N, C-alpha and C. Protein backbone atom coordinates (compact mmCIF):
# COMPACT_ATOMS: atom_id res chain seq x y z
N MET A 1 117.55 160.90 112.85
CA MET A 1 118.94 160.28 111.85
C MET A 1 118.61 160.30 110.42
N LYS A 2 119.42 160.75 109.40
CA LYS A 2 119.57 160.64 108.18
C LYS A 2 120.47 159.63 107.68
N LYS A 3 119.66 159.12 106.63
CA LYS A 3 120.32 157.72 106.03
C LYS A 3 120.18 157.77 104.76
N THR A 4 121.12 156.96 104.13
CA THR A 4 121.41 157.07 102.57
C THR A 4 120.46 155.82 101.85
N ASN A 5 119.86 156.02 100.89
CA ASN A 5 118.86 155.07 100.86
C ASN A 5 119.42 153.52 100.73
N ASP A 6 120.47 153.15 100.02
CA ASP A 6 120.76 152.01 100.44
C ASP A 6 120.94 151.44 101.83
N ILE A 7 121.63 152.20 102.87
CA ILE A 7 121.77 151.91 103.96
C ILE A 7 120.14 151.68 104.53
N ALA A 8 119.52 152.62 104.25
CA ALA A 8 117.79 152.45 104.74
C ALA A 8 117.09 151.03 104.20
N GLN A 9 117.28 150.82 103.05
CA GLN A 9 117.00 149.78 102.38
C GLN A 9 117.14 148.46 103.04
N GLY A 10 118.72 148.64 103.28
CA GLY A 10 119.17 147.21 103.63
C GLY A 10 118.66 147.07 105.16
N GLU A 11 118.57 148.39 106.00
CA GLU A 11 118.06 148.22 107.25
C GLU A 11 116.47 147.74 107.32
N LEU A 12 115.79 148.27 106.35
CA LEU A 12 114.49 147.86 106.07
C LEU A 12 114.38 146.44 106.17
N ALA A 13 114.97 145.65 105.23
CA ALA A 13 115.26 144.53 104.93
C ALA A 13 115.55 143.52 106.12
N ASP A 14 116.52 144.19 106.80
CA ASP A 14 116.77 143.24 107.79
C ASP A 14 115.72 143.34 109.10
N VAL A 15 115.29 144.31 109.15
CA VAL A 15 114.00 144.57 110.36
C VAL A 15 112.86 143.70 109.67
N PHE A 16 112.73 143.74 108.49
CA PHE A 16 111.37 142.84 108.18
C PHE A 16 111.74 141.22 108.31
N LYS A 17 113.14 140.86 108.01
CA LYS A 17 113.18 139.72 108.08
C LYS A 17 112.96 139.39 109.66
N ALA A 18 113.76 140.06 110.38
CA ALA A 18 113.58 139.69 112.03
C ALA A 18 112.08 139.85 112.43
N GLU A 19 111.32 140.42 112.21
CA GLU A 19 110.04 140.85 112.62
C GLU A 19 109.03 140.39 111.51
N ARG A 20 109.19 139.56 110.37
CA ARG A 20 107.92 139.06 109.76
C ARG A 20 107.18 138.00 110.20
N SER A 21 107.58 137.17 111.02
CA SER A 21 106.58 136.23 111.80
C SER A 21 105.64 137.19 112.64
N ARG A 22 106.06 138.35 113.55
CA ARG A 22 105.41 138.89 114.42
C ARG A 22 104.53 139.70 113.61
N LEU A 23 104.96 140.50 112.45
CA LEU A 23 103.94 141.29 111.62
C LEU A 23 102.81 140.27 110.91
N LEU A 24 103.31 139.35 110.50
CA LEU A 24 102.33 138.40 109.77
C LEU A 24 101.24 137.61 110.65
N ARG A 25 101.88 137.30 112.12
CA ARG A 25 100.85 137.00 113.11
C ARG A 25 99.64 137.88 113.38
N TYR A 26 100.48 139.02 113.70
CA TYR A 26 99.29 140.42 113.69
C TYR A 26 98.53 140.81 112.63
N ALA A 27 98.89 140.63 111.31
CA ALA A 27 98.23 140.85 110.47
C ALA A 27 96.90 139.67 110.32
N CYS A 28 97.20 138.59 110.65
CA CYS A 28 96.25 137.60 110.49
C CYS A 28 95.37 137.79 111.51
N TYR A 29 95.58 138.13 112.84
CA TYR A 29 94.60 138.38 113.48
C TYR A 29 93.80 139.63 113.17
N ARG A 30 94.43 140.50 112.67
CA ARG A 30 93.72 141.67 112.11
C ARG A 30 92.71 141.65 111.06
N LEU A 31 93.16 140.64 109.97
CA LEU A 31 92.19 140.79 109.10
C LEU A 31 91.45 139.37 108.88
N GLY A 32 92.01 138.05 109.89
CA GLY A 32 91.11 136.94 109.71
C GLY A 32 91.37 135.92 108.78
N ASN A 33 92.68 136.31 108.05
CA ASN A 33 92.85 135.33 107.02
C ASN A 33 94.44 135.59 106.56
N GLU A 34 94.97 134.46 106.40
CA GLU A 34 96.56 134.41 106.35
C GLU A 34 96.59 134.78 104.92
N ASP A 35 96.04 134.38 103.67
CA ASP A 35 96.36 134.93 102.53
C ASP A 35 96.01 136.41 102.50
N ASP A 36 95.21 137.13 102.97
CA ASP A 36 95.01 138.54 103.09
C ASP A 36 96.24 139.31 104.04
N ALA A 37 96.72 138.62 104.79
CA ALA A 37 97.56 139.04 105.60
C ALA A 37 98.70 139.09 104.94
N LYS A 38 99.32 137.92 104.12
CA LYS A 38 100.26 138.15 103.35
C LYS A 38 100.40 138.96 102.31
N ASP A 39 99.39 139.22 101.60
CA ASP A 39 99.19 140.18 100.80
C ASP A 39 99.33 141.58 101.44
N VAL A 40 98.87 141.98 102.44
CA VAL A 40 98.80 143.06 102.97
C VAL A 40 100.24 143.48 103.40
N LEU A 41 100.91 142.30 103.96
CA LEU A 41 102.40 142.44 104.55
C LEU A 41 103.25 142.94 103.38
N GLN A 42 103.15 142.17 102.12
CA GLN A 42 103.86 142.35 100.87
C GLN A 42 103.64 143.94 100.48
N ASP A 43 102.70 143.95 100.42
CA ASP A 43 101.94 145.68 100.01
C ASP A 43 102.92 146.87 100.67
N THR A 44 102.92 146.40 102.24
CA THR A 44 103.53 147.29 103.08
C THR A 44 104.78 147.54 102.94
N PHE A 45 105.55 146.07 102.71
CA PHE A 45 107.07 146.16 102.38
C PHE A 45 107.43 147.06 101.11
N LEU A 46 106.61 146.60 99.95
CA LEU A 46 106.99 147.45 98.83
C LEU A 46 106.55 148.56 99.10
N LYS A 47 105.63 149.16 99.58
CA LYS A 47 105.40 150.66 99.84
C LYS A 47 106.63 151.35 100.50
N LEU A 48 107.16 150.63 101.62
CA LEU A 48 107.93 151.09 102.33
C LEU A 48 109.47 151.34 101.59
N HIS A 49 109.76 150.21 100.93
CA HIS A 49 110.68 150.04 100.13
C HIS A 49 110.98 151.29 98.99
N THR A 50 109.69 151.44 98.42
CA THR A 50 109.65 152.26 97.27
C THR A 50 109.68 153.90 98.10
N ARG A 51 109.32 153.95 99.00
CA ARG A 51 109.05 155.35 99.85
C ARG A 51 110.60 155.67 100.13
N ILE A 52 111.26 154.71 100.70
CA ILE A 52 112.83 155.01 100.92
C ILE A 52 113.54 155.21 99.45
N ALA A 53 113.12 154.33 98.41
CA ALA A 53 114.01 154.72 97.48
C ALA A 53 113.91 155.79 96.71
N ASP A 54 112.81 156.43 96.97
CA ASP A 54 112.07 157.66 96.25
C ASP A 54 112.87 158.93 97.02
N ALA A 55 113.14 158.65 98.35
CA ALA A 55 113.32 159.82 99.33
C ALA A 55 114.75 160.15 99.19
N GLU A 56 115.17 161.47 99.23
CA GLU A 56 116.71 161.62 99.21
C GLU A 56 116.95 161.52 100.60
N ASP A 57 116.37 162.23 101.51
CA ASP A 57 116.71 162.30 103.12
C ASP A 57 115.67 161.84 103.55
N LEU A 58 115.77 160.74 104.24
CA LEU A 58 114.62 159.76 105.01
C LEU A 58 114.94 160.11 106.63
N GLN A 59 113.94 160.49 107.27
CA GLN A 59 114.23 160.50 108.73
C GLN A 59 113.21 159.48 109.42
N ILE A 60 113.64 158.41 109.85
CA ILE A 60 112.78 157.47 110.82
C ILE A 60 113.76 156.87 111.94
N ASN A 61 113.08 157.33 113.00
CA ASN A 61 113.84 157.09 114.11
C ASN A 61 113.71 155.59 114.59
N ASP A 62 112.73 155.23 114.48
CA ASP A 62 112.53 153.86 115.02
C ASP A 62 111.83 152.93 113.46
N LEU A 63 112.55 152.19 112.97
CA LEU A 63 111.94 151.56 111.67
C LEU A 63 111.17 150.51 112.32
N ARG A 64 111.41 149.76 113.18
CA ARG A 64 110.43 148.52 113.80
C ARG A 64 108.92 149.26 113.92
N SER A 65 109.05 150.38 114.62
CA SER A 65 107.76 151.01 115.04
C SER A 65 107.14 151.50 113.98
N TYR A 66 107.59 151.88 113.01
CA TYR A 66 107.35 152.69 111.83
C TYR A 66 106.83 151.48 110.71
N LEU A 67 107.42 150.19 110.91
CA LEU A 67 107.06 149.22 110.00
C LEU A 67 105.64 148.70 110.63
N PHE A 68 105.30 148.48 111.73
CA PHE A 68 104.06 148.12 112.54
C PHE A 68 103.10 149.49 112.08
N ARG A 69 103.37 150.46 112.34
CA ARG A 69 102.57 151.50 112.16
C ARG A 69 102.00 151.34 110.77
N THR A 70 102.72 151.37 109.77
CA THR A 70 102.49 151.00 108.33
C THR A 70 101.48 149.98 107.79
N LEU A 71 101.97 148.82 108.85
CA LEU A 71 101.19 147.88 108.47
C LEU A 71 99.86 147.98 109.10
N THR A 72 99.55 148.38 110.49
CA THR A 72 98.32 148.77 111.07
C THR A 72 97.27 149.73 109.84
N ASN A 73 97.97 150.79 109.41
CA ASN A 73 97.03 151.51 108.48
C ASN A 73 96.98 150.85 107.31
N ALA A 74 97.78 150.06 106.94
CA ALA A 74 97.27 149.09 105.54
C ALA A 74 96.46 147.95 105.89
N CYS A 75 96.28 147.46 106.99
CA CYS A 75 95.29 146.42 107.46
C CYS A 75 94.04 147.02 107.48
N ALA A 76 93.91 148.30 108.13
CA ALA A 76 92.60 149.44 108.22
C ALA A 76 92.00 149.61 106.93
N LYS A 77 92.81 149.94 106.02
CA LYS A 77 92.61 150.34 104.76
C LYS A 77 92.01 149.10 103.88
N TRP A 78 92.87 147.68 103.95
CA TRP A 78 92.27 146.72 103.40
C TRP A 78 90.95 146.43 103.80
N GLN A 79 90.72 146.81 105.39
CA GLN A 79 89.21 145.96 105.46
C GLN A 79 88.16 147.06 104.97
N THR A 80 88.48 148.24 104.73
CA THR A 80 87.45 149.33 104.31
C THR A 80 87.14 149.44 102.87
N ASP A 81 88.43 148.73 102.19
CA ASP A 81 88.39 149.42 100.83
C ASP A 81 87.16 148.56 99.90
N PRO A 82 86.26 149.37 99.50
CA PRO A 82 85.15 148.61 98.94
C PRO A 82 85.51 147.91 97.44
N HIS A 83 86.53 148.76 96.69
CA HIS A 83 86.74 148.03 95.48
C HIS A 83 87.02 146.47 95.80
N ARG A 84 87.66 145.97 96.89
CA ARG A 84 88.47 144.59 97.09
C ARG A 84 87.27 143.37 96.65
N ILE A 85 87.56 142.44 96.32
CA ILE A 85 86.64 141.51 95.98
C ILE A 85 86.99 140.64 97.28
N LYS A 86 85.92 140.17 97.99
CA LYS A 86 85.86 139.25 98.84
C LYS A 86 85.74 137.70 98.68
N THR A 87 86.50 136.90 98.72
CA THR A 87 86.52 135.64 98.50
C THR A 87 86.87 134.87 99.78
N ILE A 88 86.17 133.68 99.59
CA ILE A 88 86.65 132.61 100.29
C ILE A 88 87.10 131.72 99.69
N PRO A 89 88.60 131.24 100.35
CA PRO A 89 89.25 130.16 99.54
C PRO A 89 88.47 128.86 99.96
N LEU A 90 88.85 127.86 98.93
CA LEU A 90 88.02 126.45 98.93
C LEU A 90 88.04 125.67 99.89
N ASP A 91 89.67 125.96 100.30
CA ASP A 91 89.91 125.23 101.53
C ASP A 91 89.29 125.41 102.96
N MET A 92 88.78 126.61 102.84
CA MET A 92 87.97 127.16 104.03
C MET A 92 86.28 127.15 103.68
N ARG A 93 85.99 126.39 103.12
CA ARG A 93 84.41 126.22 102.87
C ARG A 93 83.95 125.34 103.78
N MET A 94 82.60 125.28 104.35
CA MET A 94 82.00 124.83 105.35
C MET A 94 81.07 123.10 104.76
N ASP A 95 81.26 122.58 105.03
CA ASP A 95 80.72 121.43 104.80
C ASP A 95 79.86 120.73 106.14
N PHE A 96 78.79 120.63 105.95
CA PHE A 96 77.72 120.13 107.06
C PHE A 96 78.16 118.43 107.45
N ILE A 97 78.48 117.77 106.46
CA ILE A 97 78.68 116.62 106.84
C ILE A 97 80.26 116.41 107.39
N ASP A 98 81.02 117.53 106.71
CA ASP A 98 82.43 117.25 107.49
C ASP A 98 82.76 118.55 108.24
N ALA A 99 82.14 118.96 108.97
CA ALA A 99 82.40 120.37 109.77
C ALA A 99 83.51 120.34 110.81
N SER A 100 84.37 119.07 110.84
CA SER A 100 85.35 119.26 112.03
C SER A 100 86.55 120.11 111.62
N ASP A 101 86.69 121.23 112.48
CA ASP A 101 87.85 122.18 112.62
C ASP A 101 88.98 121.35 113.44
N THR A 102 90.24 121.83 113.14
CA THR A 102 91.44 121.37 113.71
C THR A 102 91.52 122.19 115.00
N GLY A 103 92.01 121.96 116.14
CA GLY A 103 92.24 122.70 117.44
C GLY A 103 92.47 124.16 117.18
N ASN A 104 93.79 124.37 116.43
CA ASN A 104 94.25 125.47 116.18
C ASN A 104 93.40 126.44 115.50
N GLU A 105 92.77 125.93 114.30
CA GLU A 105 91.89 126.74 113.55
C GLU A 105 90.63 127.32 114.64
N ALA A 106 90.00 126.25 115.15
CA ALA A 106 89.00 126.74 115.84
C ALA A 106 89.21 127.56 117.04
N GLU A 107 90.40 127.57 117.68
CA GLU A 107 90.85 128.52 118.70
C GLU A 107 91.27 129.94 117.91
N TYR A 108 91.57 129.78 116.78
CA TYR A 108 91.83 131.28 116.04
C TYR A 108 90.65 131.71 115.78
N ARG A 109 89.68 131.27 115.60
CA ARG A 109 88.37 131.37 115.25
C ARG A 109 87.60 132.11 116.50
N ARG A 110 87.99 131.54 117.69
CA ARG A 110 87.06 131.81 118.65
C ARG A 110 87.77 133.27 119.23
N ILE A 111 89.10 133.26 119.08
CA ILE A 111 89.92 134.67 119.36
C ILE A 111 89.35 135.79 118.46
N VAL A 112 89.34 135.44 117.16
CA VAL A 112 88.98 136.59 116.19
C VAL A 112 87.68 137.00 116.61
N SER A 113 86.76 136.15 116.50
CA SER A 113 85.26 136.48 117.23
C SER A 113 85.21 137.11 118.67
N LEU A 114 86.14 136.80 119.42
CA LEU A 114 86.02 137.53 120.61
C LEU A 114 86.62 138.73 120.76
N LEU A 115 87.66 139.13 120.00
CA LEU A 115 87.96 140.25 119.53
C LEU A 115 87.25 141.36 118.81
N ALA A 116 86.38 140.84 118.01
CA ALA A 116 85.31 141.41 117.17
C ALA A 116 84.26 141.75 118.07
N GLU A 117 84.11 141.33 119.43
CA GLU A 117 83.08 142.12 119.78
C GLU A 117 83.36 143.26 121.02
N ILE A 118 84.38 143.37 121.02
CA ILE A 118 84.93 144.62 121.77
C ILE A 118 85.50 145.60 120.91
N PRO A 119 85.22 146.89 121.48
CA PRO A 119 85.74 147.87 120.84
C PRO A 119 87.21 147.88 119.87
N ASP A 120 87.15 148.28 118.94
CA ASP A 120 88.31 148.24 117.99
C ASP A 120 89.44 148.82 118.58
N GLU A 121 89.37 149.96 119.18
CA GLU A 121 90.62 150.45 120.04
C GLU A 121 90.90 149.63 120.90
N GLN A 122 90.72 149.14 121.67
CA GLN A 122 90.75 148.05 122.23
C GLN A 122 91.51 146.83 122.03
N ALA A 123 90.83 146.38 121.03
CA ALA A 123 91.08 144.92 120.42
C ALA A 123 92.39 145.31 119.38
N GLU A 124 92.62 146.56 118.89
CA GLU A 124 93.99 146.84 118.10
C GLU A 124 94.91 146.62 119.17
N VAL A 125 94.91 147.36 120.15
CA VAL A 125 95.83 147.35 121.23
C VAL A 125 96.28 145.98 121.77
N ILE A 126 95.42 144.95 122.04
CA ILE A 126 95.63 143.64 122.50
C ILE A 126 96.33 142.79 121.48
N ARG A 127 95.85 143.12 119.79
CA ARG A 127 96.73 142.53 118.87
C ARG A 127 97.99 143.15 118.56
N LEU A 128 98.10 144.25 118.85
CA LEU A 128 99.74 144.82 118.91
C LEU A 128 100.81 144.11 120.25
N ARG A 129 99.98 144.28 121.02
CA ARG A 129 100.68 143.65 122.34
C ARG A 129 100.83 142.35 122.05
N ILE A 130 99.63 141.57 121.76
CA ILE A 130 100.02 140.21 122.22
C ILE A 130 100.39 139.46 120.96
N TYR A 131 99.86 139.68 119.71
CA TYR A 131 100.15 139.16 118.32
C TYR A 131 101.45 139.83 117.69
N GLY A 132 101.64 140.91 117.79
CA GLY A 132 102.85 141.74 117.43
C GLY A 132 103.72 141.47 118.15
N ASP A 133 103.76 141.06 119.57
CA ASP A 133 104.86 141.03 120.41
C ASP A 133 105.55 142.43 120.56
N ASN A 134 104.61 143.40 120.81
CA ASN A 134 105.11 144.56 121.16
C ASN A 134 105.28 145.23 122.68
N SER A 135 105.90 146.07 123.05
CA SER A 135 105.98 146.33 124.39
C SER A 135 104.84 147.33 124.57
N PHE A 136 104.17 147.80 125.51
CA PHE A 136 103.23 148.84 125.64
C PHE A 136 103.80 150.14 125.24
N ALA A 137 105.33 150.38 125.36
CA ALA A 137 105.83 151.76 124.91
C ALA A 137 105.68 151.26 123.54
N GLU A 138 106.16 150.55 122.64
CA GLU A 138 106.04 150.39 121.43
C GLU A 138 104.46 150.54 120.87
N VAL A 139 103.44 149.97 121.42
CA VAL A 139 102.51 150.05 120.87
C VAL A 139 101.59 151.40 120.67
N ALA A 140 102.23 152.23 122.16
CA ALA A 140 102.09 153.53 122.08
C ALA A 140 102.40 154.21 121.03
N GLN A 141 104.04 154.17 120.68
CA GLN A 141 104.57 154.70 119.60
C GLN A 141 103.74 154.29 118.41
N ILE A 142 103.41 153.20 118.13
CA ILE A 142 103.05 152.82 117.00
C ILE A 142 101.39 153.37 116.74
N LEU A 143 100.88 153.68 117.49
CA LEU A 143 99.25 154.06 117.64
C LEU A 143 99.42 156.06 117.86
N SER A 144 100.55 156.39 118.12
CA SER A 144 100.58 157.79 118.65
C SER A 144 99.63 157.96 119.68
N LEU A 145 99.56 157.05 120.54
CA LEU A 145 98.96 157.48 121.75
C LEU A 145 99.48 157.53 123.21
N PRO A 146 99.25 158.20 124.23
CA PRO A 146 100.09 157.95 125.79
C PRO A 146 100.23 156.61 126.09
N LEU A 147 101.17 156.40 126.73
CA LEU A 147 101.33 155.31 127.27
C LEU A 147 100.20 154.64 128.11
N PRO A 148 99.72 155.53 129.11
CA PRO A 148 98.71 155.20 129.98
C PRO A 148 97.29 154.72 129.43
N THR A 149 96.99 155.50 127.96
CA THR A 149 95.92 155.25 127.29
C THR A 149 96.00 153.73 126.84
N VAL A 150 97.25 153.58 126.15
CA VAL A 150 97.68 152.21 125.79
C VAL A 150 97.25 150.95 126.84
N LYS A 151 97.73 151.36 128.07
CA LYS A 151 97.68 150.44 128.83
C LYS A 151 96.12 150.35 129.73
N SER A 152 95.47 151.38 129.49
CA SER A 152 94.20 151.11 130.14
C SER A 152 93.24 150.54 128.92
N ARG A 153 93.50 150.71 127.87
CA ARG A 153 92.47 149.78 126.65
C ARG A 153 93.15 148.33 126.92
N PHE A 154 94.40 148.16 127.21
CA PHE A 154 94.48 146.71 127.00
C PHE A 154 93.72 146.43 128.22
N LEU A 155 93.87 146.79 129.40
CA LEU A 155 93.17 146.30 130.73
C LEU A 155 91.82 146.26 130.16
N TYR A 156 91.11 147.32 129.90
CA TYR A 156 89.65 147.13 129.68
C TYR A 156 89.20 146.20 128.45
N GLY A 157 90.18 146.05 127.60
CA GLY A 157 89.80 145.08 126.62
C GLY A 157 89.68 143.64 127.29
N LEU A 158 91.10 143.28 127.94
CA LEU A 158 90.83 142.08 128.71
C LEU A 158 89.89 141.87 129.43
N GLU A 159 89.56 142.91 130.20
CA GLU A 159 88.14 142.67 131.26
C GLU A 159 86.69 142.32 130.20
N LYS A 160 86.58 142.78 129.12
CA LYS A 160 85.51 142.69 128.38
C LYS A 160 85.78 141.41 127.91
N LEU A 161 87.11 140.87 127.35
CA LEU A 161 87.08 139.41 126.84
C LEU A 161 87.01 138.44 127.75
N ARG A 162 87.22 138.58 129.16
CA ARG A 162 86.97 137.58 130.38
C ARG A 162 85.48 137.50 130.44
N LYS A 163 84.63 138.49 130.59
CA LYS A 163 83.59 138.42 130.31
C LYS A 163 82.40 137.83 129.62
N SER A 164 83.00 138.21 128.19
CA SER A 164 82.36 137.57 126.97
C SER A 164 82.65 136.09 127.08
N MET A 165 83.88 135.72 127.51
CA MET A 165 84.19 134.12 127.34
C MET A 165 83.55 133.36 128.75
N LYS A 166 82.99 134.21 129.80
CA LYS A 166 82.40 133.55 130.90
C LYS A 166 80.66 133.45 130.54
N LYS A 167 80.57 133.92 129.63
CA LYS A 167 79.10 134.03 129.01
C LYS A 167 78.85 133.03 128.11
N LYS A 168 79.96 132.69 127.41
CA LYS A 168 79.68 131.69 126.11
C LYS A 168 80.25 130.22 126.96
């Protein structure tokens, strides 16, 4: 379906507003840091906004899935960018005297570390399904994979997570 630039940009803004919390939650679990997730999410929106503005005729069948797919690629690029300066925010530093984490942050760190122990393709499906709040069909579309592959990666990933949790 072809759209004019104004309609497509408005539609992008609407979808972005509606999905922002899911996109941010997914990016946080993918990158392990809320500040990085916000940066990547903003870069993704600006990239898509520019792409729509520059295109004369743009054909996007499912803007929500396209947005998640672009964010997935942006997160992967962010993680592997050798020029990115890795920093630790001051409020995240660990003091041995005061090493008490809040319950939510401790749980978040535990989930991130568990997901790091399983194959990335399984962790990615779990992140998109649970933290991105996507259906299996949407995850399949975002990752350009067959639906049975997505379901099996999800199942095998959960099995590995359960085994890993029993060991700890």
